[in-house]
Amino acid sequence: MTAIAPGTSTPHLRLTRRGRMVITTLLAAPLAAMALYLGVNAGGAVATGESGSAQFEIVTVEPGQSLWDVAASLAPEADPRDVIADLASLNQLDSATVQPGQELAVPSQYAD
């Protein structure tokens, strides 16, 4: 163990040029990473004041009518399974079960 003589100043820590560069890099890296992350993700969606003009034909399910019947009446020339799949997708139906009075949006290719 080395003893410091009384009246002698303690040695100061000297930061070299290389040490300053390392510290600067360590402090700047998180800021640069955050700026890059925000810059890449900033241009996603842009909202406008315009409203959409999508128009759908609406069909109301009659009592005793199944989704198969609705599909057959909408597009008699098409395969009812394809029409049912399109109806289920557009109306976000979990199953092929429909209730009387339920309103279904009709995909544009089957609209009158």
N, C-alpha and C. Protein backbone atom coordinates (compact mmCIF):
# COMPACT_ATOMS: atom_id res chain seq x y z
N MET A 1 0.84 -1.15 0.00
CA MET A 1 0.00 0.00 0.00
C MET A 1 0.90 1.24 0.00
N THR A 2 0.54 2.20 -0.82
CA THR A 2 1.35 3.40 -0.93
C THR A 2 0.70 4.51 -0.14
N ALA A 3 1.47 5.14 0.70
CA ALA A 3 0.96 6.24 1.49
C ALA A 3 1.30 7.55 0.81
N ILE A 4 0.38 8.50 0.90
CA ILE A 4 0.61 9.81 0.30
C ILE A 4 1.14 10.72 1.40
N ALA A 5 2.22 11.36 1.07
CA ALA A 5 2.86 12.24 2.05
C ALA A 5 1.96 13.44 2.32
N PRO A 6 1.94 13.92 3.57
CA PRO A 6 1.13 15.09 3.87
C PRO A 6 1.60 16.29 3.08
N GLY A 7 0.59 17.04 2.59
CA GLY A 7 0.90 18.25 1.83
C GLY A 7 1.04 17.97 0.35
N THR A 8 0.95 16.71 -0.04
CA THR A 8 1.04 16.36 -1.45
C THR A 8 -0.38 16.21 -1.99
N SER A 9 -0.60 16.72 -3.16
CA SER A 9 -1.95 16.61 -3.73
C SER A 9 -2.16 15.20 -4.31
N THR A 10 -3.40 14.81 -4.31
CA THR A 10 -3.72 13.49 -4.86
C THR A 10 -3.67 13.56 -6.38
N PRO A 11 -3.30 12.48 -7.01
CA PRO A 11 -3.23 12.49 -8.48
C PRO A 11 -4.63 12.63 -9.08
N HIS A 12 -4.76 13.42 -10.15
CA HIS A 12 -6.04 13.64 -10.83
C HIS A 12 -6.19 12.62 -11.95
N LEU A 13 -7.42 12.24 -12.16
CA LEU A 13 -7.74 11.33 -13.25
C LEU A 13 -7.72 12.13 -14.53
N ARG A 14 -6.97 11.66 -15.51
CA ARG A 14 -6.88 12.35 -16.79
C ARG A 14 -7.66 11.55 -17.82
N LEU A 15 -8.50 12.23 -18.53
CA LEU A 15 -9.29 11.60 -19.57
C LEU A 15 -8.62 11.87 -20.91
N THR A 16 -8.21 10.82 -21.57
CA THR A 16 -7.51 10.97 -22.85
C THR A 16 -8.51 11.23 -23.96
N ARG A 17 -7.99 11.54 -25.12
CA ARG A 17 -8.85 11.79 -26.28
C ARG A 17 -9.68 10.54 -26.59
N ARG A 18 -9.06 9.41 -26.53
CA ARG A 18 -9.76 8.14 -26.80
C ARG A 18 -10.87 7.91 -25.75
N GLY A 19 -10.61 8.20 -24.50
CA GLY A 19 -11.60 8.05 -23.45
C GLY A 19 -12.80 8.97 -23.65
N ARG A 20 -12.52 10.22 -24.08
CA ARG A 20 -13.61 11.15 -24.37
C ARG A 20 -14.47 10.65 -25.53
N MET A 21 -13.85 10.07 -26.53
CA MET A 21 -14.60 9.52 -27.67
C MET A 21 -15.48 8.35 -27.24
N VAL A 22 -14.96 7.50 -26.38
CA VAL A 22 -15.74 6.36 -25.89
C VAL A 22 -16.93 6.83 -25.08
N ILE A 23 -16.75 7.76 -24.19
CA ILE A 23 -17.84 8.28 -23.37
C ILE A 23 -18.89 8.98 -24.24
N THR A 24 -18.43 9.78 -25.19
CA THR A 24 -19.36 10.47 -26.09
C THR A 24 -20.18 9.47 -26.90
N THR A 25 -19.52 8.44 -27.39
CA THR A 25 -20.22 7.41 -28.16
C THR A 25 -21.24 6.68 -27.31
N LEU A 26 -20.87 6.33 -26.08
CA LEU A 26 -21.80 5.63 -25.20
C LEU A 26 -23.01 6.49 -24.84
N LEU A 27 -22.83 7.78 -24.72
CA LEU A 27 -23.94 8.67 -24.40
C LEU A 27 -24.80 8.96 -25.63
N ALA A 28 -24.18 9.04 -26.80
CA ALA A 28 -24.92 9.41 -28.02
C ALA A 28 -25.62 8.22 -28.67
N ALA A 29 -25.15 7.01 -28.45
CA ALA A 29 -25.72 5.83 -29.11
C ALA A 29 -27.21 5.64 -28.79
N PRO A 30 -27.63 5.71 -27.53
CA PRO A 30 -29.07 5.55 -27.28
C PRO A 30 -29.92 6.65 -27.92
N LEU A 31 -29.40 7.86 -27.95
CA LEU A 31 -30.14 8.96 -28.58
C LEU A 31 -30.26 8.74 -30.09
N ALA A 32 -29.18 8.29 -30.71
CA ALA A 32 -29.21 8.02 -32.15
C ALA A 32 -30.14 6.86 -32.46
N ALA A 33 -30.12 5.82 -31.62
CA ALA A 33 -31.01 4.67 -31.84
C ALA A 33 -32.47 5.09 -31.70
N MET A 34 -32.79 5.91 -30.72
CA MET A 34 -34.16 6.38 -30.53
C MET A 34 -34.60 7.25 -31.71
N ALA A 35 -33.75 8.13 -32.19
CA ALA A 35 -34.07 8.98 -33.33
C ALA A 35 -34.30 8.13 -34.58
N LEU A 36 -33.50 7.12 -34.78
CA LEU A 36 -33.66 6.23 -35.92
C LEU A 36 -34.97 5.46 -35.82
N TYR A 37 -35.27 4.94 -34.65
CA TYR A 37 -36.50 4.19 -34.43
C TYR A 37 -37.73 5.06 -34.69
N LEU A 38 -37.73 6.26 -34.16
CA LEU A 38 -38.86 7.17 -34.34
C LEU A 38 -38.96 7.64 -35.79
N GLY A 39 -37.85 7.82 -36.43
CA GLY A 39 -37.84 8.26 -37.82
C GLY A 39 -38.38 7.20 -38.76
N VAL A 40 -38.04 5.96 -38.52
CA VAL A 40 -38.51 4.87 -39.37
C VAL A 40 -39.99 4.63 -39.18
N ASN A 41 -40.48 4.71 -37.95
CA ASN A 41 -41.87 4.41 -37.67
C ASN A 41 -42.79 5.62 -37.76
N ALA A 42 -42.29 6.78 -38.05
CA ALA A 42 -43.11 7.98 -38.02
C ALA A 42 -44.03 8.13 -39.22
N GLY A 43 -43.70 7.56 -40.36
CA GLY A 43 -44.46 7.82 -41.57
C GLY A 43 -45.54 6.82 -41.86
N GLY A 44 -46.08 6.12 -40.90
CA GLY A 44 -47.06 5.07 -41.13
C GLY A 44 -48.34 5.55 -41.78
N ALA A 45 -49.32 5.86 -41.01
CA ALA A 45 -50.63 6.25 -41.52
C ALA A 45 -50.82 7.75 -41.36
N VAL A 46 -51.47 8.31 -42.34
CA VAL A 46 -51.75 9.73 -42.30
C VAL A 46 -53.26 9.90 -42.36
N ALA A 47 -53.81 10.57 -41.39
CA ALA A 47 -55.25 10.80 -41.36
C ALA A 47 -55.59 12.03 -42.18
N THR A 48 -56.69 11.94 -42.90
CA THR A 48 -57.15 13.09 -43.67
C THR A 48 -58.55 13.44 -43.20
N GLY A 49 -59.01 14.59 -43.57
CA GLY A 49 -60.34 15.03 -43.19
C GLY A 49 -61.42 14.45 -44.08
N GLU A 50 -61.02 13.71 -45.12
CA GLU A 50 -62.00 13.15 -46.04
C GLU A 50 -62.60 11.87 -45.48
N SER A 51 -63.88 11.71 -45.67
CA SER A 51 -64.53 10.47 -45.23
C SER A 51 -64.60 9.51 -46.40
N GLY A 52 -64.61 8.23 -46.07
CA GLY A 52 -64.71 7.21 -47.11
C GLY A 52 -66.08 7.23 -47.75
N SER A 53 -66.14 6.81 -48.99
CA SER A 53 -67.42 6.84 -49.69
C SER A 53 -67.86 5.43 -50.09
N ALA A 54 -67.48 4.44 -49.29
CA ALA A 54 -67.89 3.07 -49.59
C ALA A 54 -69.38 2.91 -49.32
N GLN A 55 -70.08 2.42 -50.32
CA GLN A 55 -71.51 2.19 -50.20
C GLN A 55 -71.75 0.69 -50.30
N PHE A 56 -72.56 0.16 -49.41
CA PHE A 56 -72.88 -1.25 -49.44
C PHE A 56 -74.38 -1.43 -49.58
N GLU A 57 -74.74 -2.47 -50.30
CA GLU A 57 -76.14 -2.88 -50.31
C GLU A 57 -76.34 -3.72 -49.06
N ILE A 58 -77.43 -3.52 -48.39
CA ILE A 58 -77.73 -4.25 -47.16
C ILE A 58 -78.89 -5.21 -47.41
N VAL A 59 -78.75 -6.43 -46.95
CA VAL A 59 -79.80 -7.44 -47.06
C VAL A 59 -80.20 -7.82 -45.64
N THR A 60 -81.51 -7.90 -45.41
CA THR A 60 -82.03 -8.31 -44.10
C THR A 60 -82.43 -9.78 -44.17
N VAL A 61 -81.96 -10.56 -43.21
CA VAL A 61 -82.28 -11.99 -43.16
C VAL A 61 -83.73 -12.15 -42.74
N GLU A 62 -84.47 -12.92 -43.52
CA GLU A 62 -85.89 -13.17 -43.25
C GLU A 62 -86.03 -14.39 -42.32
N PRO A 63 -87.16 -14.51 -41.62
CA PRO A 63 -87.37 -15.69 -40.76
C PRO A 63 -87.32 -16.98 -41.59
N GLY A 64 -86.62 -17.97 -41.07
CA GLY A 64 -86.48 -19.26 -41.74
C GLY A 64 -85.41 -19.27 -42.82
N GLN A 65 -84.75 -18.17 -43.05
CA GLN A 65 -83.74 -18.07 -44.10
C GLN A 65 -82.37 -18.36 -43.52
N SER A 66 -81.59 -19.17 -44.23
CA SER A 66 -80.22 -19.47 -43.81
C SER A 66 -79.25 -18.63 -44.64
N LEU A 67 -78.00 -18.67 -44.26
CA LEU A 67 -76.98 -17.96 -45.03
C LEU A 67 -76.87 -18.55 -46.43
N TRP A 68 -77.09 -19.84 -46.56
CA TRP A 68 -77.08 -20.50 -47.87
C TRP A 68 -78.19 -19.91 -48.75
N ASP A 69 -79.38 -19.71 -48.17
CA ASP A 69 -80.50 -19.13 -48.92
C ASP A 69 -80.19 -17.70 -49.35
N VAL A 70 -79.60 -16.94 -48.46
CA VAL A 70 -79.23 -15.56 -48.78
C VAL A 70 -78.22 -15.56 -49.93
N ALA A 71 -77.23 -16.44 -49.85
CA ALA A 71 -76.21 -16.52 -50.90
C ALA A 71 -76.82 -16.92 -52.23
N ALA A 72 -77.73 -17.88 -52.21
CA ALA A 72 -78.36 -18.35 -53.44
C ALA A 72 -79.23 -17.26 -54.07
N SER A 73 -79.89 -16.44 -53.24
CA SER A 73 -80.73 -15.37 -53.79
C SER A 73 -79.90 -14.20 -54.31
N LEU A 74 -78.74 -13.97 -53.71
CA LEU A 74 -77.88 -12.87 -54.16
C LEU A 74 -77.21 -13.17 -55.49
N ALA A 75 -76.70 -14.38 -55.63
CA ALA A 75 -75.95 -14.75 -56.83
C ALA A 75 -76.31 -16.17 -57.25
N PRO A 76 -77.45 -16.33 -57.94
CA PRO A 76 -77.90 -17.68 -58.31
C PRO A 76 -76.92 -18.41 -59.22
N GLU A 77 -76.13 -17.68 -60.00
CA GLU A 77 -75.20 -18.31 -60.93
C GLU A 77 -73.87 -18.69 -60.28
N ALA A 78 -73.59 -18.16 -59.11
CA ALA A 78 -72.31 -18.42 -58.42
C ALA A 78 -72.44 -19.60 -57.46
N ASP A 79 -71.30 -20.16 -57.10
CA ASP A 79 -71.26 -21.24 -56.11
C ASP A 79 -71.62 -20.63 -54.75
N PRO A 80 -72.68 -21.12 -54.09
CA PRO A 80 -73.08 -20.52 -52.81
C PRO A 80 -71.98 -20.54 -51.75
N ARG A 81 -71.09 -21.52 -51.81
CA ARG A 81 -70.00 -21.58 -50.83
C ARG A 81 -69.07 -20.38 -50.96
N ASP A 82 -68.81 -19.94 -52.20
CA ASP A 82 -67.97 -18.75 -52.40
C ASP A 82 -68.68 -17.49 -51.92
N VAL A 83 -69.98 -17.40 -52.19
CA VAL A 83 -70.75 -16.23 -51.76
C VAL A 83 -70.82 -16.18 -50.23
N ILE A 84 -71.03 -17.35 -49.61
CA ILE A 84 -71.07 -17.41 -48.14
C ILE A 84 -69.73 -16.98 -47.56
N ALA A 85 -68.62 -17.43 -48.15
CA ALA A 85 -67.29 -17.04 -47.66
C ALA A 85 -67.09 -15.53 -47.76
N ASP A 86 -67.54 -14.95 -48.88
CA ASP A 86 -67.41 -13.50 -49.05
C ASP A 86 -68.30 -12.73 -48.06
N LEU A 87 -69.52 -13.22 -47.86
CA LEU A 87 -70.42 -12.58 -46.89
C LEU A 87 -69.85 -12.66 -45.47
N ALA A 88 -69.35 -13.84 -45.12
CA ALA A 88 -68.79 -14.03 -43.77
C ALA A 88 -67.58 -13.14 -43.56
N SER A 89 -66.75 -13.00 -44.58
CA SER A 89 -65.55 -12.16 -44.46
C SER A 89 -65.93 -10.68 -44.32
N LEU A 90 -66.82 -10.20 -45.17
CA LEU A 90 -67.20 -8.79 -45.14
C LEU A 90 -67.93 -8.42 -43.85
N ASN A 91 -68.78 -9.32 -43.36
CA ASN A 91 -69.58 -9.04 -42.17
C ASN A 91 -68.95 -9.55 -40.88
N GLN A 92 -67.75 -10.11 -40.98
CA GLN A 92 -67.01 -10.63 -39.83
C GLN A 92 -67.84 -11.63 -39.03
N LEU A 93 -68.42 -12.59 -39.75
CA LEU A 93 -69.22 -13.62 -39.11
C LEU A 93 -68.32 -14.75 -38.62
N ASP A 94 -68.54 -15.20 -37.41
CA ASP A 94 -67.76 -16.31 -36.85
C ASP A 94 -68.27 -17.66 -37.34
N SER A 95 -69.57 -17.73 -37.69
CA SER A 95 -70.15 -18.98 -38.16
C SER A 95 -71.15 -18.66 -39.26
N ALA A 96 -71.74 -19.70 -39.82
CA ALA A 96 -72.72 -19.52 -40.89
C ALA A 96 -74.12 -19.34 -40.33
N THR A 97 -74.27 -19.21 -39.05
CA THR A 97 -75.58 -19.03 -38.41
C THR A 97 -75.96 -17.55 -38.45
N VAL A 98 -77.17 -17.29 -38.97
CA VAL A 98 -77.70 -15.93 -39.00
C VAL A 98 -79.05 -15.91 -38.30
N GLN A 99 -79.44 -14.75 -37.83
CA GLN A 99 -80.69 -14.58 -37.10
C GLN A 99 -81.67 -13.78 -37.95
N PRO A 100 -82.96 -14.06 -37.84
CA PRO A 100 -83.95 -13.24 -38.56
C PRO A 100 -83.83 -11.78 -38.14
N GLY A 101 -83.88 -10.90 -39.14
CA GLY A 101 -83.75 -9.47 -38.88
C GLY A 101 -82.32 -8.98 -38.93
N GLN A 102 -81.36 -9.90 -38.98
CA GLN A 102 -79.94 -9.50 -39.04
C GLN A 102 -79.66 -8.87 -40.39
N GLU A 103 -78.94 -7.76 -40.37
CA GLU A 103 -78.59 -7.07 -41.61
C GLU A 103 -77.18 -7.46 -42.02
N LEU A 104 -77.04 -7.78 -43.30
CA LEU A 104 -75.74 -8.19 -43.85
C LEU A 104 -75.35 -7.26 -44.98
N ALA A 105 -74.12 -6.80 -44.96
CA ALA A 105 -73.60 -6.02 -46.08
C ALA A 105 -73.25 -6.99 -47.20
N VAL A 106 -73.58 -6.60 -48.43
CA VAL A 106 -73.36 -7.46 -49.59
C VAL A 106 -72.08 -7.02 -50.30
N PRO A 107 -71.17 -7.96 -50.60
CA PRO A 107 -69.97 -7.60 -51.35
C PRO A 107 -70.35 -7.00 -52.71
N SER A 108 -69.54 -6.10 -53.21
CA SER A 108 -69.87 -5.35 -54.41
C SER A 108 -70.09 -6.24 -55.63
N GLN A 109 -69.41 -7.36 -55.73
CA GLN A 109 -69.58 -8.20 -56.92
C GLN A 109 -70.94 -8.90 -56.97
N TYR A 110 -71.67 -8.91 -55.83
CA TYR A 110 -72.99 -9.55 -55.81
C TYR A 110 -74.11 -8.53 -55.71
N ALA A 111 -73.78 -7.25 -55.62
CA ALA A 111 -74.80 -6.21 -55.50
C ALA A 111 -75.49 -6.04 -56.85
N ASP A 112 -76.74 -5.64 -56.81
CA ASP A 112 -77.52 -5.46 -58.06
C ASP A 112 -76.95 -4.38 -58.91
